[in-house]
C-alpha cells in the first residue's frame, strides 16, 4: 500500500484492539505533511518506503530490537530505557503509542530536528532517504 495512492485504502496490519478506526492512507499522508511542514514530500516518501505507509508496521531486528510504526523507529537506538543518551534527543517515548501514525510521526520529527540542529542531514537516521531525493 502506498501513501501517495489517490484512492484512500485502509491500513490494518496487526492493529491493536484499541484502534477502533483504521486510518486511511490519505489521512496518514496529511498527518505526516502537518508534522513535517518544511519537507512534507520527502517525509511521506520516507514513511512510504519504511513501512509501506502502514502505521502498525513492526519489524523485529537483530539483537532483540525492533523498528516500529510509520517511520520504523529503532527501539534499541531511541528508547531511553535501552539507550540512556536517547533521552536528551527524543525525551520519553510511550512505546505503547508508537503504532499511532501521529505519535510515531511526532517522535520521528524529534529525531529529524536533532540531526538538523547538529548540522546533519535531518533524514540521516533513515536509510530510505536516498530513495526520496537528497
Protein backbone atom coordinates (compact mmCIF):
# COMPACT_ATOMS: atom_id res chain seq x y z
CA UNK A 1 0.00 0.00 0.00
CA UNK A 2 1.34 3.40 -0.93
CA UNK A 3 0.59 6.59 0.96
CA UNK A 4 0.66 8.52 -2.28
CA UNK A 5 -2.14 6.46 -3.82
CA UNK A 6 -5.11 8.51 -4.97
CA UNK A 7 -7.58 6.03 -3.52
CA UNK A 8 -7.85 6.02 0.25
CA UNK A 9 -7.16 2.50 1.43
CA UNK A 10 -7.29 1.13 4.90
CA UNK A 11 -4.03 0.06 6.51
CA UNK A 12 -4.56 -2.54 9.16
CA UNK A 13 -1.58 -4.73 9.92
CA UNK A 14 -1.73 -6.21 13.39
CA UNK A 15 -3.79 -3.24 14.52
CA UNK A 16 -4.17 -3.04 18.27
CA UNK A 17 -7.66 -3.71 19.60
CA UNK A 18 -7.83 -0.16 20.98
CA UNK A 19 -7.61 1.24 17.46
CA UNK A 20 -11.34 1.39 16.69
CA UNK A 21 -10.95 3.34 13.45
CA UNK A 22 -8.37 2.44 10.84
CA UNK A 23 -6.54 5.43 9.40
CA UNK A 24 -6.78 5.81 5.66
CA UNK A 25 -3.67 6.31 3.61
CA UNK A 26 -4.79 9.81 2.69
CA UNK A 27 -5.31 10.74 6.36
CA UNK A 28 -1.88 9.35 7.20
CA UNK A 29 -0.27 11.47 4.47
CA UNK A 30 -1.99 14.55 5.94
CA UNK A 31 -0.64 13.73 9.40
CA UNK A 32 2.89 13.34 8.05
CA UNK A 33 2.70 16.54 5.99
CA UNK A 34 1.48 18.50 9.01
CA UNK A 35 4.26 17.08 11.17
CA UNK A 36 6.96 17.89 8.58
CA UNK A 37 5.80 21.18 7.01
CA UNK A 38 9.36 22.04 5.95
CA UNK A 39 9.85 18.81 3.95
CA UNK A 40 6.42 17.17 3.51
CA UNK A 41 7.01 15.29 0.25
CA UNK A 42 10.21 13.68 1.44
CA UNK A 43 8.63 12.78 4.79
CA UNK A 44 5.75 11.00 3.06
CA UNK A 45 8.18 9.25 0.73
CA UNK A 46 10.36 8.05 3.61
CA UNK A 47 7.40 6.76 5.62
CA UNK A 48 6.15 5.04 2.49
CA UNK A 49 9.48 3.26 1.97
CA UNK A 50 10.00 2.49 5.65
CA UNK A 51 6.62 0.92 6.36
CA UNK A 52 4.56 0.96 3.16
CA UNK A 53 2.68 3.76 4.89
CA UNK A 54 1.31 1.34 7.44
CA UNK A 55 1.17 2.80 10.95
CA UNK A 56 1.03 -0.65 12.55
CA UNK A 57 4.17 -1.88 10.81
CA UNK A 58 6.52 -3.69 13.19
CA UNK A 59 9.85 -5.22 12.18
CA UNK A 60 11.91 -7.34 14.58
CA UNK A 61 15.64 -6.66 14.24
CA UNK A 62 18.89 -8.26 15.30
CA UNK A 63 19.93 -8.03 18.95
CA UNK A 64 16.27 -8.43 20.05
CA UNK A 65 15.32 -4.96 18.86
CA UNK A 66 12.51 -3.70 16.70
CA UNK A 67 11.62 -0.97 14.27
CA UNK A 68 8.17 0.38 14.92
CA UNK A 69 5.46 2.32 13.10
CA UNK A 70 5.36 4.56 10.05
CA UNK A 71 8.93 5.75 10.37
CA UNK A 72 10.25 2.43 11.72
CA UNK A 73 11.76 3.99 14.84
CA UNK A 74 14.55 1.74 16.15
CA UNK A 75 13.85 0.88 19.76
CA UNK A 76 17.45 -0.03 20.60
CA UNK A 77 18.60 3.40 19.45
CA UNK A 78 15.77 5.63 20.67
CA UNK A 79 14.28 4.00 23.78
CA UNK A 80 15.84 5.89 26.71
CA UNK A 81 15.49 2.78 28.89
CA UNK A 82 17.75 0.89 26.50
CA UNK A 83 19.96 3.81 25.48
CA UNK A 84 20.14 6.46 28.23
CA UNK A 85 21.64 9.05 25.86
CA UNK A 86 18.43 8.99 23.79
CA UNK A 87 16.52 10.89 26.49
CA UNK A 88 18.33 14.11 25.55
CA UNK A 89 17.23 13.71 21.93
CA UNK A 90 13.70 12.38 21.99
CA UNK A 91 12.63 12.64 25.60
CA UNK A 92 10.41 9.93 26.98
CA UNK A 93 8.65 7.74 24.45
CA UNK A 94 5.45 5.84 25.13
CA UNK A 95 6.19 2.71 23.11
CA UNK A 96 2.57 1.63 23.55
CA UNK A 97 1.62 4.57 21.28
CA UNK A 98 4.29 4.07 18.61
CA UNK A 99 1.82 2.32 16.26
CA UNK A 100 -0.25 5.50 16.14
CA UNK A 101 0.53 7.49 12.98
CA UNK A 102 0.53 10.92 14.65
CA UNK A 103 2.60 9.84 17.65
CA UNK A 104 5.17 7.96 15.55
CA UNK A 105 5.45 10.95 13.22
CA UNK A 106 5.99 13.28 16.18
CA UNK A 107 8.81 11.09 17.51
CA UNK A 108 10.34 10.97 14.02
CA UNK A 109 10.15 14.77 13.95
CA UNK A 110 12.12 14.98 17.22
CA UNK A 111 14.86 12.82 15.68
CA UNK A 112 14.77 14.87 12.47
CA UNK A 113 15.15 18.14 14.40
CA UNK A 114 18.00 16.70 16.48
CA UNK A 115 20.06 15.96 13.38
CA UNK A 116 19.16 19.29 11.79
CA UNK A 117 20.34 21.17 14.91
CA UNK A 118 23.65 19.30 14.69
CA UNK A 119 24.09 20.43 11.09
CA UNK A 120 23.47 16.96 9.65
CA UNK A 121 21.00 15.84 7.04
CA UNK A 122 17.81 15.73 9.13
CA UNK A 123 16.90 12.44 7.45
CA UNK A 124 20.25 10.78 8.19
CA UNK A 125 18.67 8.27 10.60
CA UNK A 126 16.60 6.72 7.78
CA UNK A 127 18.37 4.58 5.20
CA UNK A 128 15.47 5.04 2.77
CA UNK A 129 16.25 8.76 2.49
CA UNK A 130 18.33 8.07 -0.62
CA UNK A 131 15.21 6.72 -2.36
CA UNK A 132 13.41 10.00 -1.72
CA UNK A 133 15.77 12.61 -3.14
CA UNK A 134 18.55 14.47 -1.46
